[in-house]
C-alpha atoms as a PDB file:
ATOM      1  CA  MET A   1      55.042 -88.535  -3.579  1.00  0.00           C
ATOM      2  CA  ALA A   2      54.482 -92.098  -4.737  1.00  0.00           C
ATOM      3  CA  GLU A   3      56.449 -93.788  -7.483  1.00  0.00           C
ATOM      4  CA  ILE A   4      54.140 -95.857  -9.648  1.00  0.00           C
ATOM      5  CA  VAL A   5      55.508 -98.199 -12.307  1.00  0.00           C
ATOM      6  CA  LEU A   6      53.562-100.093 -14.932  1.00  0.00           C
ATOM      7  CA  LYS A   7      55.762-102.941 -16.102  1.00  0.00           C
ATOM      8  CA  ARG A   8      54.312-104.338 -19.297  1.00  0.00           C
ATOM      9  CA  ILE A   9      54.593-108.107 -19.503  1.00  0.00           C
ATOM     10  CA  MET A  10      53.096-109.030 -22.872  1.00  0.00           C
ATOM     11  CA  SER A  11      51.001-107.612 -25.680  1.00  0.00           C
ATOM     12  CA  GLY A  12      48.578-109.213 -28.113  1.00  0.00           C
ATOM     13  CA  THR A  13      45.304-108.585 -29.894  1.00  0.00           C
ATOM     14  CA  ASP A  14      43.353-108.747 -26.602  1.00  0.00           C
ATOM     15  CA  GLY A  15      45.539-106.035 -25.091  1.00  0.00           C
ATOM     16  CA  THR A  16      48.751-105.266 -23.254  1.00  0.00           C
ATOM     17  CA  ALA A  17      49.079-106.911 -19.848  1.00  0.00           C
ATOM     18  CA  GLY A  18      51.245-105.583 -17.056  1.00  0.00           C
ATOM     19  CA  ALA A  19      51.930-105.272 -13.344  1.00  0.00           C
ATOM     20  CA  ILE A  20      51.425-102.070 -11.381  1.00  0.00           C
ATOM     21  CA  ILE A  21      54.152-101.482  -8.813  1.00  0.00           C
ATOM     22  CA  ILE A  22      53.726 -98.800  -6.148  1.00  0.00           C
ATOM     23  CA  ASP A  23      56.847 -97.747  -4.227  1.00  0.00           C
ATOM     24  CA  GLY A  24      58.623-100.955  -5.234  1.00  0.00           C
ATOM     25  CA  TRP A  25      55.810-103.352  -4.385  1.00  0.00           C
ATOM     26  CA  PRO A  26      53.971-105.180  -7.234  1.00  0.00           C
ATOM     27  CA  VAL A  27      50.380-105.397  -6.059  1.00  0.00           C
ATOM     28  CA  TYR A  28      48.056-104.949  -9.025  1.00  0.00           C
ATOM     29  CA  VAL A  29      47.701-106.053 -12.615  1.00  0.00           C
ATOM     30  CA  ALA A  30      46.810-103.845 -15.572  1.00  0.00           C
ATOM     31  CA  LEU A  31      45.330-104.099 -19.026  1.00  0.00           C
ATOM     32  CA  GLU A  32      45.738-101.596 -21.839  1.00  0.00           C
ATOM     33  CA  ARG A  33      45.009-101.554 -25.527  1.00  0.00           C
ATOM     34  CA  PRO A  34      47.686-103.066 -27.809  1.00  0.00           C
ATOM     35  CA  TRP A  35      50.384-100.811 -29.278  1.00  0.00           C
ATOM     36  CA  GLU A  36      49.008 -99.101 -32.401  1.00  0.00           C
ATOM     37  CA  GLU A  37      51.662 -96.427 -33.021  1.00  0.00           C
ATOM     38  CA  ASN A  38      50.272 -94.172 -30.247  1.00  0.00           C
ATOM     39  CA  LYS A  39      47.033 -93.533 -32.184  1.00  0.00           C
ATOM     40  CA  ARG A  40      44.390 -91.803 -30.075  1.00  0.00           C
ATOM     41  CA  ASN A  41      41.628 -93.998 -28.682  1.00  0.00           C
ATOM     42  CA  VAL A  42      43.063 -97.264 -30.064  1.00  0.00           C
ATOM     43  CA  SER A  43      46.625 -97.556 -28.707  1.00  0.00           C
ATOM     44  CA  CYS A  44      48.352 -97.835 -25.379  1.00  0.00           C
ATOM     45  CA  ILE A  45      50.700 -94.931 -24.635  1.00  0.00           C
ATOM     46  CA  PRO A  46      54.446 -94.944 -25.293  1.00  0.00           C
ATOM     47  CA  PRO A  47      56.830 -96.072 -22.554  1.00  0.00           C
ATOM     48  CA  GLY A  48      58.097 -93.154 -20.487  1.00  0.00           C
ATOM     49  CA  THR A  49      57.797 -91.385 -17.163  1.00  0.00           C
ATOM     50  CA  TYR A  50      54.819 -89.115 -16.723  1.00  0.00           C
ATOM     51  CA  PRO A  51      53.695 -86.832 -13.908  1.00  0.00           C
ATOM     52  CA  CYS A  52      50.253 -87.805 -12.655  1.00  0.00           C
ATOM     53  CA  THR A  53      47.639 -86.424 -10.321  1.00  0.00           C
ATOM     54  CA  LYS A  54      44.747 -87.911  -8.429  1.00  0.00           C
ATOM     55  CA  GLU A  55      41.509 -86.211  -9.394  1.00  0.00           C
ATOM     56  CA  ARG A  56      37.761 -86.545  -9.606  1.00  0.00           C
ATOM     57  CA  HIS A  57      36.213 -87.614 -12.927  1.00  0.00           C
ATOM     58  CA  GLY A  58      32.506 -87.378 -13.763  1.00  0.00           C
ATOM     59  CA  LYS A  59      32.192 -90.900 -15.179  1.00  0.00           C
ATOM     60  CA  PHE A  60      34.880 -92.902 -13.322  1.00  0.00           C
ATOM     61  CA  GLY A  61      35.015 -91.269  -9.879  1.00  0.00           C
ATOM     62  CA  THR A  62      38.500 -90.793  -8.452  1.00  0.00           C
ATOM     63  CA  VAL A  63      41.181 -91.514 -11.066  1.00  0.00           C
ATOM     64  CA  LEU A  64      44.826 -90.907 -11.839  1.00  0.00           C
ATOM     65  CA  ARG A  65      45.441 -88.576 -14.768  1.00  0.00           C
ATOM     66  CA  LEU A  66      48.754 -88.881 -16.617  1.00  0.00           C
ATOM     67  CA  HIS A  67      50.168 -85.606 -17.942  1.00  0.00           C
ATOM     68  CA  ASP A  68      52.577 -84.755 -20.766  1.00  0.00           C
ATOM     69  CA  VAL A  69      51.891 -87.887 -22.828  1.00  0.00           C
ATOM     70  CA  LYS A  70      53.258 -87.102 -26.285  1.00  0.00           C
ATOM     71  CA  GLU A  71      50.465 -86.335 -28.766  1.00  0.00           C
ATOM     72  CA  ARG A  72      47.831 -87.649 -26.328  1.00  0.00           C
ATOM     73  CA  GLY A  73      45.522 -86.328 -23.640  1.00  0.00           C
ATOM     74  CA  GLY A  74      42.925 -87.678 -21.257  1.00  0.00           C
ATOM     75  CA  ILE A  75      44.991 -90.695 -20.242  1.00  0.00           C
ATOM     76  CA  LEU A  76      43.528 -92.057 -17.014  1.00  0.00           C
ATOM     77  CA  VAL A  77      43.900 -94.997 -14.677  1.00  0.00           C
ATOM     78  CA  HIS A  78      40.246 -96.015 -14.283  1.00  0.00           C
ATOM     79  CA  SER A  79      38.210 -99.143 -13.711  1.00  0.00           C
ATOM     80  CA  GLY A  80      37.204-101.462 -16.538  1.00  0.00           C
ATOM     81  CA  ASN A  81      37.659-105.083 -17.497  1.00  0.00           C
ATOM     82  CA  THR A  82      38.531-105.512 -21.179  1.00  0.00           C
ATOM     83  CA  ILE A  83      40.109-103.241 -23.767  1.00  0.00           C
ATOM     84  CA  ASP A  84      36.571-102.369 -24.882  1.00  0.00           C
ATOM     85  CA  ASP A  85      36.398-100.340 -21.644  1.00  0.00           C
ATOM     86  CA  SER A  86      39.438 -98.252 -22.606  1.00  0.00           C
ATOM     87  CA  ARG A  87      40.119 -95.626 -25.238  1.00  0.00           C
ATOM     88  CA  GLY A  88      43.849 -95.653 -24.495  1.00  0.00           C
ATOM     89  CA  CYS A  89      43.658 -95.602 -20.694  1.00  0.00           C
ATOM     90  CA  ILE A  90      45.048 -98.037 -18.128  1.00  0.00           C
ATOM     91  CA  LEU A  91      42.692-100.499 -16.420  1.00  0.00           C
ATOM     92  CA  PRO A  92      43.874-101.856 -13.038  1.00  0.00           C
ATOM     93  CA  GLY A  93      42.758-105.170 -11.543  1.00  0.00           C
ATOM     94  CA  LEU A  94      43.487-107.623  -8.765  1.00  0.00           C
ATOM     95  CA  SER A  95      43.993-110.539 -11.169  1.00  0.00           C
ATOM     96  CA  PHE A  96      43.795-111.559 -14.810  1.00  0.00           C
ATOM     97  CA  GLY A  97      40.980-113.693 -16.155  1.00  0.00           C
ATOM     98  CA  LEU A  98      38.533-114.149 -18.996  1.00  0.00           C
ATOM     99  CA  ILE A  99      35.221-112.413 -19.546  1.00  0.00           C
ATOM    100  CA  LEU A 100      33.122-113.896 -22.347  1.00  0.00           C
ATOM    101  CA  GLY A 101      36.277-115.577 -23.663  1.00  0.00           C
ATOM    102  CA  ARG A 102      38.331-112.353 -23.770  1.00  0.00           C
ATOM    103  CA  HIS A 103      41.370-111.461 -21.689  1.00  0.00           C
ATOM    104  CA  ALA A 104      40.411-109.162 -18.834  1.00  0.00           C
ATOM    105  CA  VAL A 105      41.395-107.720 -15.483  1.00  0.00           C
ATOM    106  CA  LEU A 106      39.122-108.698 -12.607  1.00  0.00           C
ATOM    107  CA  ASP A 107      37.985-106.731  -9.551  1.00  0.00           C
ATOM    108  CA  SER A 108      38.954-103.498 -11.289  1.00  0.00           C
ATOM    109  CA  LYS A 109      36.835-101.164  -9.134  1.00  0.00           C
ATOM    110  CA  LYS A 110      38.351-102.624  -5.986  1.00  0.00           C
ATOM    111  CA  ALA A 111      41.900-102.377  -7.397  1.00  0.00           C
ATOM    112  CA  LYS A 112      41.357 -98.748  -8.422  1.00  0.00           C
ATOM    113  CA  ALA A 113      39.986 -97.881  -4.975  1.00  0.00           C
ATOM    114  CA  LEU A 114      42.990 -99.521  -3.290  1.00  0.00           C
ATOM    115  CA  ILE A 115      45.426 -97.643  -5.533  1.00  0.00           C
ATOM    116  CA  MET A 116      43.703 -94.334  -4.843  1.00  0.00           C
ATOM    117  CA  SER A 117      43.766 -94.996  -1.084  1.00  0.00           C
ATOM    118  CA  LYS A 118      47.577 -95.173  -1.230  1.00  0.00           C
ATOM    119  CA  LEU A 119      47.967 -91.766  -2.893  1.00  0.00           C
ATOM    120  CA  ASP A 120      47.707 -88.307  -1.377  1.00  0.00           C
ATOM    121  CA  ALA A 121      45.336 -86.116  -3.385  1.00  0.00           C
ATOM    122  CA  ASP A 122      47.480 -82.988  -2.999  1.00  0.00           C
ATOM    123  CA  GLU A 123      50.697 -84.421  -4.379  1.00  0.00           C
ATOM    124  CA  ARG A 124      51.980 -84.971  -7.875  1.00  0.00           C
ATOM    125  CA  HIS A 125      53.200 -88.494  -8.413  1.00  0.00           C
ATOM    126  CA  THR A 126      55.281 -90.124 -11.125  1.00  0.00           C
ATOM    127  CA  PHE A 127      53.934 -92.909 -13.320  1.00  0.00           C
ATOM    128  CA  GLU A 128      56.585 -94.788 -15.288  1.00  0.00           C
ATOM    129  CA  VAL A 129      55.470 -97.047 -18.121  1.00  0.00           C
ATOM    130  CA  ARG A 130      58.037 -99.686 -19.078  1.00  0.00           C
ATOM    131  CA  ALA A 131      58.041-101.520 -22.385  1.00  0.00           C
ATOM    132  CA  VAL A 132      57.489-105.275 -22.566  1.00  0.00           C
ATOM    133  CA  GLY A 133      60.736-106.824 -21.374  1.00  0.00           C
ATOM    134  CA  GLY A 134      61.878-103.478 -19.897  1.00  0.00           C
END
């Protein structure tokens, strides 16, 4: 079982930026929507520890699905670049950058593939989301 931590670093109108840490090693960056009171499709999820599973998704290929998110469902770790590519999900990347003047994560498909390669498909993992400054 892998321990995955998303440590949020900052949040603004272009999204919530963070670092993804797997088994104590920070290796990826992440972008989420800004905090909007946990509203579906427009907000990042609340800080907490969630069970997650690796699974196949029709649109995004292999993803991580977070379970037991209060008042939310369908929270995935999937590829994308800006918050326009997310309806409340977590977008991994290899670095931060700008796309058409907007904050973004870069090389997201590669980052997602690398994350998935580290996780056994038959195990449940934990995914802890830490608040900015937490």
